[in-house]
Amino acid sequence: MKARQVLVAAALALAAGAALAQPAIIFELGGKNDKSFGEAAWRGAEAWKRETGKPYLEFEIANAPQREQAARRFAERGASPIVGVGFPQASAIDKVARDFPQLRFAIIDMVVDLPNVQSFVYREHEGAFLVGMLAALASKTGTVGFVGGQDIPLVRKVLCGYEQGARFARPGVKFTSAMTGTTNAAWTDPARGAELAKTQIAQGADVMFAAAGTTGLGVLQAAKDGGIYGIGVDVNQNHLHPGTMLTSMLKRVDLAVLQAFRGVQPGVTVLGLKEGALDYALDEHNAKLITPDMKRRVDAAKAEIIAGRLKVIDSTVTGQCR
């Protein structure tokens, strides 16, 4: 049996080499048109396609079992690298990467410690710090809100960075926050996001930061309907509701996908402000909302964080936010 597996692996490796191994990407629930995390990943794949003129393979999962099924199907076809978009795919990537050691894999937002896997993780708390500053500076009530997707350490890290930035800009600021749920379904429930946002608006929040995938679309709609500011996440969502979108926290997932497609470098790759992988969005849709003084203060803090002189707490490391 082992001899047969070796022969099959060798045959796949030969086939992959002969075909110059087509890369593949597996999108999470919500897909590549979620106007958030998935779309950012798709943009990276498309950038590689424009850069090389070559096609890539893709799959949008509809349920949990498809994570491993898709990864295994691509591996059997000799695709390499195979990129899993999002932490829920870590288990699938781990299993399939072990079974196909001759192929390369990548995972975003989780670490898979294998010699043929590149793990991309972000210092999201740094980007959240910047939009937290803007939220506090723009708030008229002195209360800012937050709706997260699944209640996991990564989302808590974003909330922690947001709170730190708000307090840095305005020490007396108050917070309201909520997580949408404890399962992966928390990322794809715009109606629930809108409900949570309306509750916080009733509590006085006049700026809402949504870090919740497609659930966040409901949050941003509720912010517009409530006459307050919204803050988007992952991609620039300012265009969704021009005039009420204060900004968006950019998380350049496209950079991770592009780097992986160019060639996986096994190990852990950490991306943050210094690497240009995080930022806040400023464009024609929100230029009138960000005053010169707000921009000056946030850009100064950004420079200090990059230089290492301003430390932003990573709650996944410290276990606390203060």
Protein backbone atom coordinates (compact mmCIF):
# COMPACT_ATOMS: atom_id res chain seq x y z
CA MET A 1 0.00 0.00 0.00
CA LYS A 2 2.80 2.40 0.90
CA ALA A 3 4.62 1.61 -2.33
CA ARG A 4 1.47 2.39 -4.29
CA GLN A 5 1.05 5.72 -2.48
CA VAL A 6 4.64 6.64 -3.32
CA LEU A 7 4.04 5.82 -7.00
CA VAL A 8 0.83 7.86 -7.06
CA ALA A 9 2.56 10.80 -5.37
CA ALA A 10 5.41 10.60 -7.85
CA ALA A 11 2.97 10.50 -10.77
CA LEU A 12 1.11 13.54 -9.45
CA ALA A 13 4.35 15.43 -8.92
CA LEU A 14 5.41 14.65 -12.49
CA ALA A 15 2.03 15.75 -13.84
CA ALA A 16 2.07 18.92 -11.79
CA GLY A 17 5.55 19.77 -13.01
CA ALA A 18 4.67 19.10 -16.64
CA ALA A 19 1.61 21.33 -16.38
CA LEU A 20 3.49 23.96 -14.38
CA ALA A 21 1.04 23.30 -11.52
CA GLN A 22 -2.02 25.50 -11.66
CA PRO A 23 -2.72 27.32 -8.38
CA ALA A 24 -6.06 26.90 -6.66
CA ILE A 25 -8.02 28.92 -4.13
CA ILE A 26 -10.84 27.79 -1.86
CA PHE A 27 -13.20 30.53 -0.68
CA GLU A 28 -15.02 30.33 2.64
CA LEU A 29 -18.75 30.58 3.31
CA GLY A 30 -19.88 33.89 1.86
CA GLY A 31 -17.78 33.33 -1.24
CA LYS A 32 -15.71 35.71 -3.30
CA ASN A 33 -18.53 38.25 -3.69
CA ASP A 34 -18.99 38.96 0.02
CA LYS A 35 -17.73 42.55 -0.42
CA SER A 36 -15.27 41.77 2.40
CA PHE A 37 -12.71 39.07 3.24
CA GLY A 38 -13.51 36.74 0.34
CA GLU A 39 -13.48 39.57 -2.18
CA ALA A 40 -10.07 40.68 -0.92
CA ALA A 41 -8.71 37.17 -1.49
CA TRP A 42 -10.26 37.04 -4.96
CA ARG A 43 -8.55 40.29 -5.86
CA GLY A 44 -5.19 38.71 -5.04
CA ALA A 45 -5.89 35.76 -7.32
CA GLU A 46 -7.01 38.11 -10.09
CA ALA A 47 -3.85 40.20 -9.65
CA TRP A 48 -1.76 37.05 -10.18
CA LYS A 49 -3.82 36.20 -13.27
CA ARG A 50 -3.18 39.66 -14.75
CA GLU A 51 0.49 39.45 -13.81
CA THR A 52 1.10 36.05 -15.41
CA GLY A 53 -1.64 35.71 -17.98
CA LYS A 54 -2.40 32.27 -16.55
CA PRO A 55 -5.66 30.86 -15.16
CA TYR A 56 -6.22 29.50 -11.67
CA LEU A 57 -8.67 27.05 -10.12
CA GLU A 58 -11.27 28.17 -7.60
CA PHE A 59 -14.10 26.83 -5.47
CA GLU A 60 -16.65 28.50 -3.20
CA ILE A 61 -17.76 26.17 -0.42
CA ALA A 62 -21.43 25.88 0.55
CA ASN A 63 -20.98 23.70 3.64
CA ALA A 64 -18.27 22.55 6.05
CA PRO A 65 -17.46 19.12 4.51
CA GLN A 66 -16.61 20.78 1.21
CA ARG A 67 -13.51 22.37 2.73
CA GLU A 68 -11.57 19.12 2.75
CA GLN A 69 -13.33 17.75 -0.33
CA ALA A 70 -12.27 20.76 -2.40
CA ALA A 71 -8.68 20.75 -1.12
CA ARG A 72 -8.35 17.03 -1.80
CA ARG A 73 -9.91 17.31 -5.25
CA PHE A 74 -7.47 20.05 -6.23
CA ALA A 75 -4.54 18.09 -4.79
CA GLU A 76 -5.51 14.99 -6.76
CA ARG A 77 -5.42 17.14 -9.89
CA GLY A 78 -1.90 18.25 -9.01
CA ALA A 79 -2.84 21.87 -8.27
CA SER A 80 -0.16 23.78 -6.38
CA PRO A 81 -0.28 25.92 -4.37
CA ILE A 82 -3.70 25.34 -2.86
CA VAL A 83 -4.80 28.33 -0.78
CA GLY A 84 -7.43 28.07 1.96
CA VAL A 85 -9.09 31.43 2.62
CA GLY A 86 -9.86 31.72 6.33
CA PHE A 87 -9.18 29.96 9.62
CA PRO A 88 -12.06 27.44 9.28
CA GLN A 89 -10.07 25.76 6.51
CA ALA A 90 -7.05 25.01 8.70
CA SER A 91 -8.08 21.43 9.51
CA ALA A 92 -8.71 20.61 5.86
CA ILE A 93 -5.41 22.11 4.73
CA ASP A 94 -3.58 20.24 7.50
CA LYS A 95 -5.05 16.88 6.49
CA VAL A 96 -4.59 17.23 2.75
CA ALA A 97 -1.12 18.78 2.99
CA ARG A 98 0.02 15.75 5.00
CA ASP A 99 -1.35 13.41 2.32
CA PHE A 100 0.27 15.36 -0.53
CA PRO A 101 3.71 16.42 0.78
CA GLN A 102 4.99 17.09 -2.75
CA LEU A 103 2.48 19.91 -3.23
CA ARG A 104 2.45 23.37 -1.65
CA PHE A 105 -0.39 24.87 0.39
CA ALA A 106 -1.22 28.14 2.13
CA ILE A 107 -3.71 29.12 4.83
CA ILE A 108 -4.88 32.61 5.79
CA ASP A 109 -5.63 33.62 9.39
CA MET A 110 -4.38 30.40 10.99
CA VAL A 111 -1.12 28.52 11.44
CA VAL A 112 -0.66 25.03 10.00
CA ASP A 113 2.79 23.86 11.04
CA LEU A 114 3.86 21.66 8.14
CA PRO A 115 6.93 21.85 5.87
CA ASN A 116 4.83 22.40 2.74
CA VAL A 117 2.46 25.05 4.13
CA GLN A 118 2.77 28.82 4.35
CA SER A 119 0.61 30.35 7.08
CA PHE A 120 -0.39 34.00 6.76
CA VAL A 121 -1.48 35.84 9.90
CA TYR A 122 -2.12 39.55 10.43
CA ARG A 123 -1.60 42.09 13.17
CA GLU A 124 -5.22 43.19 12.80
CA HIS A 125 -5.09 45.08 16.09
CA GLU A 126 -2.83 47.66 14.42
CA GLY A 127 -5.35 48.48 11.70
CA ALA A 128 -8.22 48.44 14.19
CA PHE A 129 -6.30 50.96 16.32
CA LEU A 130 -6.37 53.47 13.45
CA VAL A 131 -10.11 53.17 12.76
CA GLY A 132 -10.75 53.27 16.50
CA MET A 133 -9.04 56.65 16.61
CA LEU A 134 -11.20 57.92 13.75
CA ALA A 135 -14.35 56.60 15.39
CA ALA A 136 -13.64 58.38 18.66
CA LEU A 137 -12.66 61.62 16.95
CA ALA A 138 -15.80 61.61 14.78
CA SER A 139 -18.27 60.66 17.50
CA LYS A 140 -20.59 63.37 18.77
CA THR A 141 -22.14 61.28 21.55
CA GLY A 142 -18.84 59.98 22.88
CA THR A 143 -20.01 56.38 22.40
CA VAL A 144 -18.75 54.10 19.63
CA GLY A 145 -19.99 50.62 18.74
CA PHE A 146 -18.68 47.33 17.39
CA VAL A 147 -20.27 44.23 15.92
CA GLY A 148 -18.05 41.20 15.41
CA GLY A 149 -18.77 38.00 13.56
CA GLN A 150 -17.87 34.72 15.21
CA ASP A 151 -16.75 35.11 18.83
CA ILE A 152 -13.15 33.96 18.48
CA PRO A 153 -9.78 35.34 19.64
CA LEU A 154 -9.08 36.90 16.23
CA VAL A 155 -12.24 39.04 16.35
CA ARG A 156 -11.58 39.87 20.01
CA LYS A 157 -8.14 41.07 18.90
CA VAL A 158 -9.77 43.45 16.40
CA LEU A 159 -12.14 44.74 19.09
CA CYS A 160 -9.23 45.24 21.46
CA GLY A 161 -7.26 47.25 18.89
CA TYR A 162 -10.35 49.33 18.14
CA GLU A 163 -10.83 50.14 21.82
CA GLN A 164 -7.16 51.02 22.27
CA GLY A 165 -7.20 53.42 19.33
CA ALA A 166 -10.41 55.08 20.48
CA ARG A 167 -9.08 55.58 24.01
CA PHE A 168 -5.75 56.84 22.67
CA ALA A 169 -7.57 59.58 20.71
CA ARG A 170 -10.27 60.26 23.32
CA PRO A 171 -9.65 58.81 26.80
CA GLY A 172 -13.23 59.23 28.02
CA VAL A 173 -14.89 57.46 25.09
CA LYS A 174 -17.51 54.78 25.84
CA PHE A 175 -18.07 51.47 24.05
CA THR A 176 -20.87 49.14 23.08
CA SER A 177 -20.03 45.82 21.45
CA ALA A 178 -21.51 42.46 20.51
CA MET A 179 -20.51 39.27 18.74
CA THR A 180 -22.97 37.72 16.30
CA GLY A 181 -22.52 34.09 17.35
CA THR A 182 -20.17 31.24 18.18
CA THR A 183 -20.28 29.26 14.92
CA ASN A 184 -19.14 29.97 11.36
CA ALA A 185 -22.72 30.98 10.51
CA ALA A 186 -22.07 34.20 12.43
CA TRP A 187 -20.23 35.53 9.38
CA THR A 188 -23.22 35.30 7.03
CA ASP A 189 -26.21 36.80 8.88
CA PRO A 190 -26.82 40.43 7.79
CA ALA A 191 -30.25 40.52 9.48
CA ARG A 192 -28.74 39.64 12.84
CA GLY A 193 -25.98 42.18 12.27
CA ALA A 194 -28.57 44.89 11.69
CA GLU A 195 -30.41 43.95 14.90
CA LEU A 196 -27.24 44.15 16.97
CA ALA A 197 -26.32 47.50 15.44
CA LYS A 198 -29.78 48.97 16.12
CA THR A 199 -29.51 47.93 19.76
CA GLN A 200 -26.19 49.75 20.11
CA ILE A 201 -27.48 52.81 18.30
CA ALA A 202 -30.32 52.92 20.84
CA GLN A 203 -27.64 52.90 23.54
CA GLY A 204 -26.04 56.03 22.11
CA ALA A 205 -23.42 54.70 19.69
CA ASP A 206 -23.06 56.99 16.69
CA VAL A 207 -20.19 55.15 14.98
CA MET A 208 -20.42 51.39 14.22
CA PHE A 209 -17.43 49.25 13.27
CA ALA A 210 -18.44 45.98 11.59
CA ALA A 211 -15.86 43.17 11.59
CA ALA A 212 -18.26 40.41 10.63
CA GLY A 213 -18.03 39.32 6.99
CA THR A 214 -21.36 39.57 5.15
CA THR A 215 -23.05 40.01 8.54
CA GLY A 216 -21.35 43.39 8.54
CA LEU A 217 -23.37 44.48 5.52
CA GLY A 218 -26.43 44.51 7.77
CA VAL A 219 -24.54 46.53 10.36
CA LEU A 220 -23.51 49.14 7.81
CA GLN A 221 -27.04 49.37 6.42
CA ALA A 222 -28.41 49.87 9.95
CA ALA A 223 -25.84 52.61 10.53
CA LYS A 224 -26.96 54.42 7.39
CA ASP A 225 -30.63 54.00 8.29
CA GLY A 226 -29.94 55.26 11.81
CA GLY A 227 -28.16 58.36 10.56
CA ILE A 228 -24.79 57.44 12.07
CA TYR A 229 -21.37 56.50 10.73
CA GLY A 230 -20.32 53.01 9.72
CA ILE A 231 -16.82 51.57 9.47
CA GLY A 232 -16.17 48.72 7.02
CA VAL A 233 -13.56 45.98 7.11
CA ASP A 234 -11.13 43.98 4.95
CA VAL A 235 -11.78 45.76 1.63
CA ASN A 236 -12.67 49.41 1.08
CA GLN A 237 -16.42 49.43 1.71
CA ASN A 238 -16.75 53.22 1.66
CA HIS A 239 -18.65 53.08 -1.63
CA LEU A 240 -21.49 51.04 -0.10
CA HIS A 241 -23.00 54.05 1.64
CA PRO A 242 -21.17 57.21 0.56
CA GLY A 243 -21.44 59.97 3.11
CA THR A 244 -22.13 57.73 6.11
CA MET A 245 -19.11 55.43 5.81
CA LEU A 246 -16.48 57.04 8.01
CA THR A 247 -13.77 54.68 6.73
CA SER A 248 -12.89 51.01 6.34
CA MET A 249 -10.14 48.98 7.96
CA LEU A 250 -8.21 47.54 5.06
CA LYS A 251 -6.85 44.04 5.53
CA ARG A 252 -4.87 43.16 2.42
CA VAL A 253 -5.76 39.50 2.11
CA ASP A 254 -5.01 39.95 -1.59
CA LEU A 255 -1.32 40.34 -0.74
CA ALA A 256 -1.24 36.94 0.95
CA VAL A 257 -2.95 35.20 -1.97
CA LEU A 258 -0.72 36.94 -4.50
CA GLN A 259 2.41 35.99 -2.56
CA ALA A 260 1.28 32.37 -2.21
CA PHE A 261 0.43 32.10 -5.91
CA ARG A 262 3.85 33.48 -6.81
CA GLY A 263 5.47 30.78 -4.72
CA VAL A 264 4.79 29.36 -1.28
CA GLN A 265 7.49 29.93 1.31
CA PRO A 266 6.73 27.45 4.10
CA GLY A 267 6.50 28.85 7.61
CA VAL A 268 4.60 31.69 9.26
CA THR A 269 4.32 35.07 7.54
CA VAL A 270 3.08 37.94 9.73
CA LEU A 271 1.65 41.03 8.03
CA GLY A 272 0.78 44.41 9.52
CA LEU A 273 1.07 48.16 9.02
CA LYS A 274 4.80 47.95 8.34
CA GLU A 275 4.25 45.54 5.47
CA GLY A 276 1.47 47.67 3.98
CA ALA A 277 -1.03 44.92 4.70
CA LEU A 278 -3.27 47.01 6.98
CA ASP A 279 -4.50 50.59 6.79
CA TYR A 280 -7.58 52.80 6.88
CA ALA A 281 -9.40 53.79 3.69
CA LEU A 282 -9.54 57.37 2.48
CA ASP A 283 -11.18 58.16 -0.85
CA GLU A 284 -13.71 60.42 -2.53
CA HIS A 285 -16.55 58.79 -0.60
CA ASN A 286 -15.31 59.78 2.87
CA ALA A 287 -12.84 62.61 2.21
CA LYS A 288 -15.25 65.19 3.63
CA LEU A 289 -15.72 63.16 6.82
CA ILE A 290 -12.04 62.94 7.73
CA THR A 291 -10.82 66.38 8.74
CA PRO A 292 -7.19 67.41 8.20
CA ASP A 293 -6.61 67.23 11.97
CA MET A 294 -8.08 63.72 12.18
CA LYS A 295 -5.87 62.56 9.32
CA ARG A 296 -2.80 64.17 10.84
CA ARG A 297 -3.34 62.50 14.21
CA VAL A 298 -4.06 59.07 12.76
CA ASP A 299 -1.15 59.19 10.33
CA ALA A 300 1.15 60.22 13.17
CA ALA A 301 0.01 57.25 15.25
CA LYS A 302 0.44 54.96 12.26
CA ALA A 303 4.04 56.12 11.83
CA GLU A 304 4.72 55.58 15.54
CA ILE A 305 3.32 52.04 15.40
CA ILE A 306 5.44 51.20 12.35
CA ALA A 307 8.52 52.60 14.08
CA GLY A 308 7.80 50.50 17.16
CA ARG A 309 7.41 53.49 19.47
CA LEU A 310 3.66 53.03 19.94
CA LYS A 311 2.74 49.55 21.10
CA VAL A 312 -0.70 48.14 20.38
CA ILE A 313 -1.68 45.24 22.63
CA ASP A 314 -2.34 41.92 20.89
CA SER A 315 -4.98 40.35 23.12
CA THR A 316 -4.31 36.89 21.65
CA VAL A 317 -0.83 37.11 23.14
CA THR A 318 -1.48 38.91 26.42
CA GLY A 319 -4.88 37.39 27.16
CA GLN A 320 -6.19 40.83 28.02
CA CYS A 321 -6.77 44.22 26.42
CA ARG A 322 -5.16 46.49 28.99
